[in-house]
Amino acid sequence: MKKLNHYSRIILGVVFIFSGFVKAVDPLGSMYKFNDYFTAFGLEFLSLIALPLAILLSTLEFVLGFSLLFATKRKITAWVTLLFMSFFTILTLFLAIFNPVSDCGCFGDAIIMTNWETFWKNVVLMIFTLIVFVHRHKYEVHWKNLNQWLVLLIPFIFSVSLSLYCYFNLPILDFRPYTIGTHIPEKIIIPEDAPKAEYETILLYQKNGKVKEFTLDNLPDSTWQWVETQNVLINEGYVPPIHDFTIQTSSGNDITDIVLNDPKFNFLMIAYNLNETSVKNIDQINELAAYCKESGKCNFICLTASVESVIQDFSEKTNAQYMFYATDEITLKTIVRANPGIVLLKQGTILDKWHHRNIPTIEEIEHLYLNNDKYKKELKNPEKEVLAEN
């Protein structure tokens, strides 16, 4: 039983540390997930505290993981772990049944799980949690009280510092499909032999005030009146890593292929909501846009999900001299964790990404990319060449 308790602590500790870490490197992603929950449960007024809650959750998991792993503050740790797992096991059961959000975000973007997979994962972890809780008085502690608090203080400081750094810059690890070196067209392709989505057709018919479901193989007689037809998804089939990347003009024309196949350098300013876009470094962004226009070496456009009136207000406020195009808001949030962020694209390959606080100078961009012989020529194998360079 002592070994079982020991292994339970280790398993829980590793899982909590991993879960806390992948959230800490992407605090904005966790914030977006909290907002999804708030929207699903009608608690939009809590959106103002979504970021602090995201940092708090990742820090709690990270610290709890170390406490379990090193057997510190055993009673407090056992109680907090039990309460934590009880809450999230109940929550994920609710999510699995009613599906208000498609992914709980328990491992950020590092591991995507369905709600049912997440629930059963929590059931397994709950078994280990109960073992640790029941035996919380039985395992030995070899740390003095002060040392135990120091063991917890170090991961606390590390986790908070990591979250703040990745918030004010970009995540140090990018688990999303738009990483540097990604050749977007390859990630959009659906293989010919890929599993197709499967649907079941349900037909609703009415008779004598009662509505009943029928399948195509079991249709009712003519005394029943058709009400509606529903197509229920049975098997999602293959979904490519990138399946929602489109660029449209204000009139609705799709220019995605034009941008992705352009042999020139393309700077994309990613600003999912111009009402919330930071303008602290807008002068540097305007300078880069002006350089692209004057030099002819590159293009500069802005991708946003904002409506035309908001775009007009932003242009007047910032003196923006570049074109604005429409892209899905969730896609823009996924591409870069900044508002605004800058993405450098060539032939559909992401060469680099920057937070608006860290945009390099024109001279640095010229040296690294625009005047670099490696990128002047047409890339034969874009993704591999860019990854090799970085």
Protein backbone atom coordinates (compact mmCIF):
# COMPACT_ATOMS: atom_id res chain seq x y z
CA MET A 1 0.00 0.00 0.00
CA LYS A 2 2.94 2.31 0.69
CA LYS A 3 4.18 1.83 -2.86
CA LEU A 4 0.70 2.46 -4.26
CA ASN A 5 0.51 5.73 -2.35
CA HIS A 6 4.00 6.66 -3.54
CA TYR A 7 3.22 5.98 -7.21
CA SER A 8 -0.12 7.79 -6.91
CA ARG A 9 1.64 10.92 -5.68
CA ILE A 10 4.18 10.75 -8.51
CA ILE A 11 1.54 10.25 -11.22
CA LEU A 12 -0.60 13.08 -9.89
CA GLY A 13 2.42 15.32 -9.43
CA VAL A 14 3.67 14.83 -12.99
CA VAL A 15 0.21 15.38 -14.48
CA PHE A 16 -0.35 18.56 -12.45
CA ILE A 17 3.10 19.95 -13.30
CA PHE A 18 2.60 19.27 -17.01
CA SER A 19 -0.91 20.72 -17.00
CA GLY A 20 0.19 23.84 -15.12
CA PHE A 21 3.23 24.36 -17.34
CA VAL A 22 1.43 24.17 -20.69
CA LYS A 23 -1.12 26.67 -19.37
CA ALA A 24 1.58 28.97 -17.99
CA VAL A 25 3.35 29.25 -21.36
CA ASP A 26 0.07 30.33 -22.98
CA PRO A 27 -1.85 32.52 -20.51
CA LEU A 28 -3.86 34.20 -23.28
CA GLY A 29 -5.02 30.80 -24.53
CA SER A 30 -6.21 29.94 -21.02
CA MET A 31 -7.90 33.33 -20.78
CA TYR A 32 -9.78 32.66 -24.03
CA LYS A 33 -10.90 29.31 -22.65
CA PHE A 34 -12.18 30.93 -19.44
CA ASN A 35 -14.14 33.38 -21.58
CA ASP A 36 -15.63 30.44 -23.49
CA TYR A 37 -16.83 29.01 -20.18
CA PHE A 38 -18.22 32.35 -19.03
CA THR A 39 -20.11 32.76 -22.31
CA ALA A 40 -21.48 29.20 -22.16
CA PHE A 41 -22.75 29.70 -18.59
CA GLY A 42 -24.02 33.25 -19.06
CA LEU A 43 -21.28 34.78 -16.89
CA GLU A 44 -19.81 37.23 -19.41
CA PHE A 45 -19.43 39.86 -16.66
CA LEU A 46 -16.54 37.76 -15.26
CA SER A 47 -14.47 38.24 -18.42
CA LEU A 48 -12.49 41.02 -16.70
CA ILE A 49 -10.94 38.49 -14.33
CA ALA A 50 -10.34 35.80 -16.97
CA LEU A 51 -6.60 36.52 -17.23
CA PRO A 52 -5.92 36.55 -13.45
CA LEU A 53 -7.92 33.32 -13.14
CA ALA A 54 -5.89 31.76 -15.97
CA ILE A 55 -2.61 32.60 -14.23
CA LEU A 56 -3.99 31.49 -10.86
CA LEU A 57 -5.12 28.12 -12.24
CA SER A 58 -1.82 27.33 -13.94
CA THR A 59 0.14 28.37 -10.86
CA LEU A 60 -2.06 26.32 -8.53
CA GLU A 61 -1.64 23.20 -10.67
CA PHE A 62 2.12 23.72 -11.03
CA VAL A 63 2.69 24.27 -7.31
CA LEU A 64 0.35 21.44 -6.35
CA GLY A 65 2.26 19.12 -8.66
CA PHE A 66 5.56 19.91 -6.97
CA SER A 67 4.01 19.55 -3.53
CA LEU A 68 2.74 16.08 -4.46
CA LEU A 69 6.00 15.08 -6.09
CA PHE A 70 8.19 16.15 -3.15
CA ALA A 71 5.68 15.19 -0.42
CA THR A 72 5.52 18.65 1.15
CA LYS A 73 2.67 20.02 3.29
CA ARG A 74 0.98 16.64 2.96
CA LYS A 75 -2.32 17.40 4.74
CA ILE A 76 -3.00 20.70 2.96
CA THR A 77 -1.87 19.22 -0.35
CA ALA A 78 -4.12 16.18 0.02
CA TRP A 79 -7.15 18.32 0.84
CA VAL A 80 -6.54 20.83 -1.98
CA THR A 81 -5.98 18.01 -4.47
CA LEU A 82 -9.21 16.30 -3.40
CA LEU A 83 -11.26 19.51 -3.67
CA PHE A 84 -9.62 20.42 -6.99
CA MET A 85 -10.22 17.03 -8.60
CA SER A 86 -13.76 16.75 -7.19
CA PHE A 87 -14.72 20.10 -8.70
CA PHE A 88 -13.22 19.40 -12.12
CA THR A 89 -14.52 15.84 -12.28
CA ILE A 90 -18.07 17.11 -11.73
CA LEU A 91 -17.51 19.99 -14.16
CA THR A 92 -16.15 17.76 -16.93
CA LEU A 93 -19.06 15.33 -16.47
CA PHE A 94 -21.41 18.26 -17.06
CA LEU A 95 -19.36 19.30 -20.11
CA ALA A 96 -19.40 15.76 -21.48
CA ILE A 97 -23.19 15.48 -21.16
CA PHE A 98 -24.24 18.94 -22.36
CA ASN A 99 -21.16 19.94 -24.43
CA PRO A 100 -21.36 23.75 -23.92
CA VAL A 101 -17.68 23.98 -24.99
CA SER A 102 -15.98 21.49 -27.28
CA ASP A 103 -12.66 21.25 -25.40
CA CYS A 104 -12.17 21.82 -21.69
CA GLY A 105 -8.59 23.06 -22.19
CA CYS A 106 -7.17 21.00 -19.34
CA PHE A 107 -3.85 20.60 -21.20
CA GLY A 108 -4.04 23.83 -23.17
CA ASP A 109 -3.27 23.31 -26.85
CA ALA A 110 -0.59 20.71 -26.06
CA ILE A 111 -3.08 17.82 -25.92
CA ILE A 112 -6.60 18.26 -27.27
CA MET A 113 -9.15 15.92 -25.71
CA THR A 114 -12.88 15.50 -26.14
CA ASN A 115 -15.07 16.23 -23.13
CA TRP A 116 -15.73 12.53 -22.54
CA GLU A 117 -12.00 11.73 -22.76
CA THR A 118 -11.32 14.50 -20.25
CA PHE A 119 -13.99 13.20 -17.87
CA TRP A 120 -12.63 9.64 -17.90
CA LYS A 121 -9.12 10.99 -17.47
CA ASN A 122 -10.33 12.80 -14.36
CA VAL A 123 -12.03 9.64 -13.08
CA VAL A 124 -8.70 7.82 -13.26
CA LEU A 125 -6.88 10.70 -11.56
CA MET A 126 -9.61 10.79 -8.90
CA ILE A 127 -8.69 7.22 -7.94
CA PHE A 128 -5.09 8.26 -7.35
CA THR A 129 -6.33 11.37 -5.50
CA LEU A 130 -8.42 9.27 -3.09
CA ILE A 131 -5.42 7.00 -2.42
CA VAL A 132 -3.25 10.01 -1.55
CA PHE A 133 -6.01 11.55 0.57
CA VAL A 134 -6.74 8.41 2.58
CA HIS A 135 -3.04 7.89 3.30
CA ARG A 136 -2.14 11.54 3.85
CA HIS A 137 -1.03 10.79 7.44
CA LYS A 138 1.06 7.76 6.56
CA TYR A 139 3.87 8.80 4.26
CA GLU A 140 7.02 10.28 5.72
CA VAL A 141 8.15 13.86 5.25
CA HIS A 142 11.89 14.51 5.27
CA TRP A 143 11.68 18.28 4.89
CA LYS A 144 11.67 20.85 7.67
CA ASN A 145 8.64 23.14 7.65
CA LEU A 146 10.59 26.13 6.29
CA ASN A 147 12.14 24.01 3.54
CA GLN A 148 8.72 22.71 2.59
CA TRP A 149 7.47 26.26 2.04
CA LEU A 150 10.60 27.06 0.03
CA VAL A 151 9.95 24.04 -2.19
CA LEU A 152 6.52 25.51 -2.93
CA LEU A 153 7.70 29.10 -3.26
CA ILE A 154 10.16 28.34 -6.06
CA PRO A 155 7.63 26.81 -8.48
CA PHE A 156 5.14 29.55 -7.51
CA ILE A 157 7.56 32.30 -8.52
CA PHE A 158 8.59 30.38 -11.64
CA SER A 159 5.03 29.78 -12.82
CA VAL A 160 3.84 33.35 -12.26
CA SER A 161 6.98 34.77 -13.90
CA LEU A 162 6.63 32.42 -16.87
CA SER A 163 2.97 33.38 -17.36
CA LEU A 164 3.73 37.09 -17.23
CA TYR A 165 6.67 36.76 -19.62
CA CYS A 166 4.62 34.81 -22.15
CA TYR A 167 1.75 37.28 -21.79
CA PHE A 168 3.90 40.33 -22.47
CA ASN A 169 5.79 38.55 -25.24
CA LEU A 170 4.78 35.36 -27.07
CA PRO A 171 4.57 31.79 -25.70
CA ILE A 172 8.02 30.25 -25.44
CA LEU A 173 6.48 27.00 -26.69
CA ASP A 174 3.84 27.08 -29.42
CA PHE A 175 1.52 24.08 -29.52
CA ARG A 176 -0.82 25.57 -32.13
CA PRO A 177 -0.75 24.72 -35.86
CA TYR A 178 0.67 28.14 -36.83
CA THR A 179 4.21 27.65 -35.52
CA ILE A 180 7.25 29.27 -37.13
CA GLY A 181 8.22 27.16 -40.14
CA THR A 182 4.67 26.01 -40.86
CA HIS A 183 3.75 25.83 -44.54
CA ILE A 184 0.06 26.68 -44.27
CA PRO A 185 -1.08 25.14 -47.60
CA GLU A 186 0.26 21.73 -46.51
CA LYS A 187 -1.66 21.91 -43.23
CA ILE A 188 -4.90 22.69 -45.07
CA ILE A 189 -4.81 19.70 -47.43
CA ILE A 190 -7.17 16.80 -46.78
CA PRO A 191 -5.64 13.49 -48.04
CA GLU A 192 -7.72 11.60 -50.56
CA ASP A 193 -7.83 8.50 -48.36
CA ALA A 194 -8.72 10.46 -45.20
CA PRO A 195 -11.84 9.32 -43.31
CA LYS A 196 -14.90 11.30 -44.33
CA ALA A 197 -17.41 12.79 -41.95
CA GLU A 198 -20.41 10.50 -41.40
CA TYR A 199 -23.93 11.73 -40.75
CA GLU A 200 -27.18 10.01 -39.89
CA THR A 201 -30.34 11.49 -41.39
CA ILE A 202 -33.20 11.75 -38.91
CA LEU A 203 -36.64 12.67 -40.19
CA LEU A 204 -39.29 14.06 -37.87
CA TYR A 205 -42.92 13.28 -38.71
CA GLN A 206 -46.10 14.29 -36.94
CA LYS A 207 -49.40 12.45 -36.50
CA ASN A 208 -52.28 13.22 -34.15
CA GLY A 209 -50.22 15.91 -32.45
CA LYS A 210 -47.31 13.55 -31.72
CA VAL A 211 -43.83 13.95 -33.27
CA LYS A 212 -41.73 10.85 -33.89
CA GLU A 213 -38.25 10.23 -35.30
CA PHE A 214 -37.68 8.00 -38.34
CA THR A 215 -34.64 6.93 -40.37
CA LEU A 216 -34.33 6.69 -44.14
CA ASP A 217 -34.69 2.91 -43.83
CA ASN A 218 -37.82 3.16 -41.72
CA LEU A 219 -40.14 5.80 -43.18
CA PRO A 220 -43.77 6.12 -42.00
CA ASP A 221 -46.86 5.77 -44.17
CA SER A 222 -48.66 8.66 -45.86
CA THR A 223 -50.81 9.38 -42.81
CA TRP A 224 -47.77 11.00 -41.15
CA GLN A 225 -46.85 14.62 -41.92
CA TRP A 226 -43.20 15.58 -42.38
CA VAL A 227 -41.93 18.21 -39.90
CA GLU A 228 -38.17 18.54 -40.50
CA THR A 229 -35.00 16.68 -41.44
CA GLN A 230 -31.94 16.62 -39.19
CA ASN A 231 -28.42 15.47 -40.07
CA VAL A 232 -26.68 14.17 -36.95
CA LEU A 233 -22.87 13.90 -36.96
CA ILE A 234 -21.78 10.34 -36.11
CA ASN A 235 -18.10 10.46 -37.05
CA GLU A 236 -16.27 13.75 -37.51
CA GLY A 237 -13.80 12.23 -39.94
CA TYR A 238 -10.40 13.78 -40.71
CA VAL A 239 -9.98 17.43 -39.80
CA PRO A 240 -6.76 19.03 -41.12
CA PRO A 241 -4.57 20.91 -38.60
CA ILE A 242 -5.55 24.18 -40.30
CA HIS A 243 -9.14 24.18 -41.49
CA ASP A 244 -10.42 27.71 -40.90
CA PHE A 245 -7.84 30.03 -42.50
CA THR A 246 -9.46 32.40 -45.00
CA ILE A 247 -8.74 35.97 -46.07
CA GLN A 248 -11.57 37.99 -47.57
CA THR A 249 -12.00 41.50 -48.90
CA SER A 250 -14.72 43.80 -47.57
CA SER A 251 -16.88 42.76 -50.55
CA GLY A 252 -16.51 39.07 -49.68
CA ASN A 253 -13.93 38.03 -52.29
CA ASP A 254 -11.62 35.25 -51.11
CA ILE A 255 -7.93 36.11 -51.61
CA THR A 256 -6.49 33.34 -49.42
CA ASP A 257 -4.72 31.55 -52.29
CA ILE A 258 -3.31 34.83 -53.61
CA VAL A 259 -1.66 35.60 -50.27
CA LEU A 260 -0.47 32.03 -49.63
CA ASN A 261 1.08 31.68 -53.10
CA ASP A 262 2.69 35.11 -53.20
CA PRO A 263 6.48 34.78 -53.73
CA LYS A 264 7.01 38.16 -52.08
CA PHE A 265 7.37 38.71 -48.36
CA ASN A 266 4.03 39.42 -46.70
CA PHE A 267 3.74 41.07 -43.31
CA LEU A 268 0.39 40.28 -41.70
CA MET A 269 -0.74 42.48 -38.86
CA ILE A 270 -3.01 40.26 -36.76
CA ALA A 271 -5.59 42.29 -34.85
CA TYR A 272 -8.66 40.21 -34.09
CA ASN A 273 -10.56 43.09 -32.43
CA LEU A 274 -9.50 46.61 -33.37
CA ASN A 275 -11.50 48.06 -30.47
CA GLU A 276 -9.12 46.25 -28.12
CA THR A 277 -5.95 46.52 -30.22
CA SER A 278 -3.03 48.14 -28.44
CA VAL A 279 -1.67 51.26 -30.16
CA LYS A 280 1.40 51.66 -27.96
CA ASN A 281 3.72 50.58 -30.78
CA ILE A 282 1.58 51.70 -33.71
CA ASP A 283 4.24 54.15 -34.94
CA GLN A 284 6.68 51.27 -35.46
CA ILE A 285 3.98 49.27 -37.22
CA ASN A 286 3.17 52.21 -39.49
CA GLU A 287 6.87 52.62 -40.23
CA LEU A 288 7.10 48.97 -41.28
CA ALA A 289 3.97 49.31 -43.45
CA ALA A 290 5.38 52.45 -45.11
CA TYR A 291 8.70 50.71 -45.76
CA CYS A 292 6.92 47.79 -47.45
CA LYS A 293 5.01 50.16 -49.71
CA GLU A 294 8.03 52.29 -50.64
CA SER A 295 10.60 49.51 -51.09
CA GLY A 296 8.40 47.15 -53.07
CA LYS A 297 10.19 44.22 -51.41
CA CYS A 298 7.19 43.15 -49.38
CA ASN A 299 3.49 43.65 -48.73
CA PHE A 300 1.79 44.73 -45.53
CA ILE A 301 -1.87 43.99 -44.72
CA CYS A 302 -4.00 43.73 -41.61
CA LEU A 303 -6.22 40.74 -40.83
CA THR A 304 -9.09 41.46 -38.48
CA ALA A 305 -12.54 40.26 -37.50
CA SER A 306 -13.77 43.81 -36.87
CA VAL A 307 -16.60 45.36 -38.88
CA GLU A 308 -16.08 48.14 -41.44
CA SER A 309 -17.10 51.00 -39.12
CA VAL A 310 -14.56 49.90 -36.50
CA ILE A 311 -11.87 49.56 -39.17
CA GLN A 312 -12.60 53.11 -40.32
CA ASP A 313 -12.34 54.49 -36.78
CA PHE A 314 -9.08 52.63 -36.18
CA SER A 315 -7.59 53.87 -39.47
CA GLU A 316 -8.40 57.48 -38.62
CA LYS A 317 -7.07 57.15 -35.08
CA THR A 318 -3.78 55.48 -36.08
CA ASN A 319 -3.29 56.95 -39.58
CA ALA A 320 -3.14 53.41 -40.98
CA GLN A 321 -1.99 53.38 -44.61
CA TYR A 322 -2.54 49.70 -45.33
CA MET A 323 -5.38 47.43 -46.41
CA PHE A 324 -7.66 45.56 -44.01
CA TYR A 325 -9.03 42.09 -44.72
CA ALA A 326 -11.45 39.83 -42.88
CA THR A 327 -10.46 36.61 -41.10
CA ASP A 328 -12.25 34.59 -38.44
CA GLU A 329 -11.64 35.90 -34.91
CA ILE A 330 -10.80 32.50 -33.39
CA THR A 331 -8.32 31.85 -36.21
CA LEU A 332 -6.59 35.17 -35.57
CA LYS A 333 -6.36 34.44 -31.84
CA THR A 334 -4.82 31.08 -32.72
CA ILE A 335 -2.25 32.43 -35.18
CA VAL A 336 -0.52 34.74 -32.71
CA ARG A 337 -1.15 35.48 -29.03
CA ALA A 338 -1.05 39.25 -29.37
CA ASN A 339 -3.38 42.07 -30.39
CA PRO A 340 -1.72 43.21 -32.53
CA GLY A 341 0.92 40.73 -33.57
CA ILE A 342 3.00 40.61 -36.73
CA VAL A 343 3.47 37.48 -38.87
CA LEU A 344 5.99 37.30 -41.70
CA LEU A 345 4.80 35.06 -44.52
CA LYS A 346 6.43 33.97 -47.79
CA GLN A 347 4.83 31.49 -50.18
CA GLY A 348 2.46 30.46 -47.43
CA THR A 349 5.26 29.68 -44.97
CA ILE A 350 5.45 31.40 -41.59
CA LEU A 351 8.99 32.77 -41.34
CA ASP A 352 8.59 34.53 -38.02
CA LYS A 353 6.10 36.02 -35.55
CA TRP A 354 6.38 38.96 -33.19
CA HIS A 355 4.40 40.47 -30.35
CA HIS A 356 3.79 44.19 -30.94
CA ARG A 357 6.19 44.88 -28.07
CA ASN A 358 9.02 43.03 -29.82
CA ILE A 359 8.84 44.05 -33.47
CA PRO A 360 12.40 44.22 -34.88
CA THR A 361 13.73 47.32 -36.60
CA ILE A 362 13.70 47.73 -40.39
CA GLU A 363 17.45 47.15 -40.42
CA GLU A 364 17.08 43.88 -38.52
CA ILE A 365 14.28 42.69 -40.82
CA GLU A 366 16.37 43.50 -43.89
CA HIS A 367 19.36 41.63 -42.50
CA LEU A 368 17.47 38.58 -41.31
CA TYR A 369 15.02 38.18 -44.19
CA LEU A 370 14.60 40.73 -46.97
CA ASN A 371 18.27 40.85 -48.00
CA ASN A 372 19.01 37.27 -47.02
CA ASP A 373 19.88 35.21 -50.09
CA LYS A 374 18.18 32.22 -48.51
CA TYR A 375 14.79 33.93 -48.65
CA LYS A 376 15.25 36.00 -51.81
CA LYS A 377 14.96 32.90 -53.97
CA GLU A 378 11.81 30.85 -54.22
CA LEU A 379 11.61 28.27 -51.46
CA LYS A 380 11.55 24.75 -52.89
CA ASN A 381 10.69 23.02 -49.63
CA PRO A 382 9.41 25.93 -47.50
CA GLU A 383 8.74 24.26 -44.18
CA LYS A 384 12.01 22.29 -43.96
CA GLU A 385 14.14 25.21 -45.11
CA VAL A 386 12.66 27.61 -42.59
CA LEU A 387 12.95 25.11 -39.72
CA ALA A 388 16.59 24.48 -40.63
CA GLU A 389 17.28 28.20 -40.57
CA ASN A 390 15.62 28.71 -37.20
